[in-house]
Amino acid sequence: MIFDRNEQKQVVALLGAGSMGTAIVRRIGAGKKILLGDISEKALERVGDDFRRCGYDVETLQVNALQKESVEAFARKAAELGPVMYFIRPILNTSLTSICWALAMP
């Protein structure tokens, strides 16, 4: 029995596969397509496999956030997957307090 016939799932794009971003994606990613981007292939494999074991629909892409072309390729891939509803990019500010910028796209 097929419950979800929606071919164009909303997309959650996470740039940086660390613990803060993945925690946010776990909260908002159910029923959505998730695109994980990170510079580390090992991190992408580990986090992607973990998400898949938990039932999430995940794709991964190696991204160097310091290279414009790499970030543009990440954005293009996200747009190809469906309507991007969330872009999440966890950062660490200068006071070493963790902050996460999660931008909800209308």
C-alpha atoms as a PDB file:
ATOM      1  CA  MET A   1       0.000   0.000   0.000  1.00  0.00           C
ATOM      2  CA  ILE A   2       1.406   3.398  -0.978  1.00  0.00           C
ATOM      3  CA  PHE A   3       0.663   6.176   1.470  1.00  0.00           C
ATOM      4  CA  ASP A   4       2.671   9.027  -0.059  1.00  0.00           C
ATOM      5  CA  ARG A   5       2.181   9.621  -3.777  1.00  0.00           C
ATOM      6  CA  ASN A   6       3.671  13.107  -3.610  1.00  0.00           C
ATOM      7  CA  GLU A   7       6.559  13.037  -6.070  1.00  0.00           C
ATOM      8  CA  GLN A   8       7.523  16.616  -5.242  1.00  0.00           C
ATOM      9  CA  LYS A   9       8.221  16.490  -1.523  1.00  0.00           C
ATOM     10  CA  GLN A  10       9.268  19.634   0.263  1.00  0.00           C
ATOM     11  CA  VAL A  11      13.041  19.822   0.590  1.00  0.00           C
ATOM     12  CA  VAL A  12      15.131  20.446   3.691  1.00  0.00           C
ATOM     13  CA  ALA A  13      18.708  21.413   2.778  1.00  0.00           C
ATOM     14  CA  LEU A  14      21.355  21.115   5.498  1.00  0.00           C
ATOM     15  CA  LEU A  15      24.791  22.563   4.833  1.00  0.00           C
ATOM     16  CA  GLY A  16      27.099  21.029   7.428  1.00  0.00           C
ATOM     17  CA  ALA A  17      26.344  17.563   8.801  1.00  0.00           C
ATOM     18  CA  GLY A  18      27.169  18.253  12.430  1.00  0.00           C
ATOM     19  CA  SER A  19      25.104  17.457  15.491  1.00  0.00           C
ATOM     20  CA  MET A  20      23.230  20.769  15.745  1.00  0.00           C
ATOM     21  CA  GLY A  21      21.981  20.783  12.149  1.00  0.00           C
ATOM     22  CA  THR A  22      21.090  17.102  12.158  1.00  0.00           C
ATOM     23  CA  ALA A  23      19.067  17.581  15.363  1.00  0.00           C
ATOM     24  CA  ILE A  24      17.033  20.294  13.653  1.00  0.00           C
ATOM     25  CA  VAL A  25      16.519  18.150  10.559  1.00  0.00           C
ATOM     26  CA  ARG A  26      15.290  15.254  12.704  1.00  0.00           C
ATOM     27  CA  ARG A  27      12.601  17.569  14.115  1.00  0.00           C
ATOM     28  CA  ILE A  28      11.372  19.012  10.814  1.00  0.00           C
ATOM     29  CA  GLY A  29      12.392  16.424   8.197  1.00  0.00           C
ATOM     30  CA  ALA A  30       9.661  13.790   8.531  1.00  0.00           C
ATOM     31  CA  GLY A  31       7.891  13.322   5.207  1.00  0.00           C
ATOM     32  CA  LYS A  32      10.293  15.672   3.426  1.00  0.00           C
ATOM     33  CA  LYS A  33      13.245  15.130   1.103  1.00  0.00           C
ATOM     34  CA  ILE A  34      16.504  15.889   2.911  1.00  0.00           C
ATOM     35  CA  LEU A  35      19.676  17.041   1.181  1.00  0.00           C
ATOM     36  CA  LEU A  36      22.798  16.863   3.332  1.00  0.00           C
ATOM     37  CA  GLY A  37      25.889  18.780   2.293  1.00  0.00           C
ATOM     38  CA  ASP A  38      29.291  18.629   3.961  1.00  0.00           C
ATOM     39  CA  ILE A  39      32.933  18.780   2.974  1.00  0.00           C
ATOM     40  CA  SER A  40      33.600  15.393   4.605  1.00  0.00           C
ATOM     41  CA  GLU A  41      32.542  12.304   2.659  1.00  0.00           C
ATOM     42  CA  LYS A  42      32.850  10.261   5.877  1.00  0.00           C
ATOM     43  CA  ALA A  43      30.469  12.562   7.739  1.00  0.00           C
ATOM     44  CA  LEU A  44      27.993  12.463   4.848  1.00  0.00           C
ATOM     45  CA  GLU A  45      28.088   8.676   4.727  1.00  0.00           C
ATOM     46  CA  ARG A  46      27.715   8.305   8.496  1.00  0.00           C
ATOM     47  CA  VAL A  47      24.902  10.839   8.903  1.00  0.00           C
ATOM     48  CA  GLY A  48      23.132   9.822   5.672  1.00  0.00           C
ATOM     49  CA  ASP A  49      23.130   6.154   6.690  1.00  0.00           C
ATOM     50  CA  ASP A  50      21.856   7.046  10.157  1.00  0.00           C
ATOM     51  CA  PHE A  51      18.987   9.105   8.719  1.00  0.00           C
ATOM     52  CA  ARG A  52      18.067   6.346   6.246  1.00  0.00           C
ATOM     53  CA  ARG A  53      17.987   3.741   9.030  1.00  0.00           C
ATOM     54  CA  CYS A  54      15.507   6.018  10.824  1.00  0.00           C
ATOM     55  CA  GLY A  55      13.264   6.175   7.752  1.00  0.00           C
ATOM     56  CA  TYR A  56      14.172   9.589   6.317  1.00  0.00           C
ATOM     57  CA  ASP A  57      14.406  10.212   2.567  1.00  0.00           C
ATOM     58  CA  VAL A  58      17.996  11.484   2.216  1.00  0.00           C
ATOM     59  CA  GLU A  59      20.460  12.438  -0.473  1.00  0.00           C
ATOM     60  CA  THR A  60      23.994  13.659   0.128  1.00  0.00           C
ATOM     61  CA  LEU A  61      26.360  15.929  -1.747  1.00  0.00           C
ATOM     62  CA  GLN A  62      29.942  16.867  -0.933  1.00  0.00           C
ATOM     63  CA  VAL A  63      30.152  20.659  -0.613  1.00  0.00           C
ATOM     64  CA  ASN A  64      32.986  23.051   0.101  1.00  0.00           C
ATOM     65  CA  ALA A  65      31.239  26.058   1.653  1.00  0.00           C
ATOM     66  CA  LEU A  66      34.251  28.246   0.828  1.00  0.00           C
ATOM     67  CA  GLN A  67      33.846  27.726  -2.910  1.00  0.00           C
ATOM     68  CA  LYS A  68      31.028  29.623  -4.626  1.00  0.00           C
ATOM     69  CA  GLU A  69      30.674  27.015  -7.389  1.00  0.00           C
ATOM     70  CA  SER A  70      30.312  24.211  -4.847  1.00  0.00           C
ATOM     71  CA  VAL A  71      27.588  26.060  -2.913  1.00  0.00           C
ATOM     72  CA  GLU A  72      25.786  26.906  -6.171  1.00  0.00           C
ATOM     73  CA  ALA A  73      25.847  23.217  -7.151  1.00  0.00           C
ATOM     74  CA  PHE A  74      24.346  22.384  -3.740  1.00  0.00           C
ATOM     75  CA  ALA A  75      21.573  24.943  -4.283  1.00  0.00           C
ATOM     76  CA  ARG A  76      20.863  23.599  -7.787  1.00  0.00           C
ATOM     77  CA  LYS A  77      20.665  20.033  -6.465  1.00  0.00           C
ATOM     78  CA  ALA A  78      18.238  21.106  -3.729  1.00  0.00           C
ATOM     79  CA  ALA A  79      16.036  22.884  -6.293  1.00  0.00           C
ATOM     80  CA  GLU A  80      16.052  19.794  -8.547  1.00  0.00           C
ATOM     81  CA  LEU A  81      14.730  17.665  -5.687  1.00  0.00           C
ATOM     82  CA  GLY A  82      11.629  19.816  -5.155  1.00  0.00           C
ATOM     83  CA  PRO A  83      10.477  23.018  -3.490  1.00  0.00           C
ATOM     84  CA  VAL A  84      13.089  24.055  -0.911  1.00  0.00           C
ATOM     85  CA  MET A  85      11.218  24.931   2.265  1.00  0.00           C
ATOM     86  CA  TYR A  86      14.139  25.061   4.722  1.00  0.00           C
ATOM     87  CA  PHE A  87      17.824  25.873   4.358  1.00  0.00           C
ATOM     88  CA  ILE A  88      19.780  25.156   7.521  1.00  0.00           C
ATOM     89  CA  ARG A  89      23.356  26.286   8.074  1.00  0.00           C
ATOM     90  CA  PRO A  90      24.567  25.880  11.648  1.00  0.00           C
ATOM     91  CA  ILE A  91      27.300  28.299  12.681  1.00  0.00           C
ATOM     92  CA  LEU A  92      29.351  29.048  15.772  1.00  0.00           C
ATOM     93  CA  ASN A  93      29.565  32.721  16.703  1.00  0.00           C
ATOM     94  CA  THR A  94      32.611  34.452  18.145  1.00  0.00           C
ATOM     95  CA  SER A  95      31.485  34.007  21.754  1.00  0.00           C
ATOM     96  CA  LEU A  96      31.450  30.232  21.155  1.00  0.00           C
ATOM     97  CA  THR A  97      27.702  30.116  21.678  1.00  0.00           C
ATOM     98  CA  SER A  98      26.064  27.813  19.186  1.00  0.00           C
ATOM     99  CA  ILE A  99      23.530  29.455  16.925  1.00  0.00           C
ATOM    100  CA  CYS A 100      21.608  27.980  14.066  1.00  0.00           C
ATOM    101  CA  TRP A 101      20.227  30.050  11.260  1.00  0.00           C
ATOM    102  CA  ALA A 102      17.222  28.231   9.870  1.00  0.00           C
ATOM    103  CA  LEU A 103      15.555  30.155   7.108  1.00  0.00           C
ATOM    104  CA  ALA A 104      12.007  29.150   6.250  1.00  0.00           C
ATOM    105  CA  MET A 105      11.297  29.754   2.596  1.00  0.00           C
ATOM    106  CA  PRO A 106       7.731  30.755   1.706  1.00  0.00           C
END
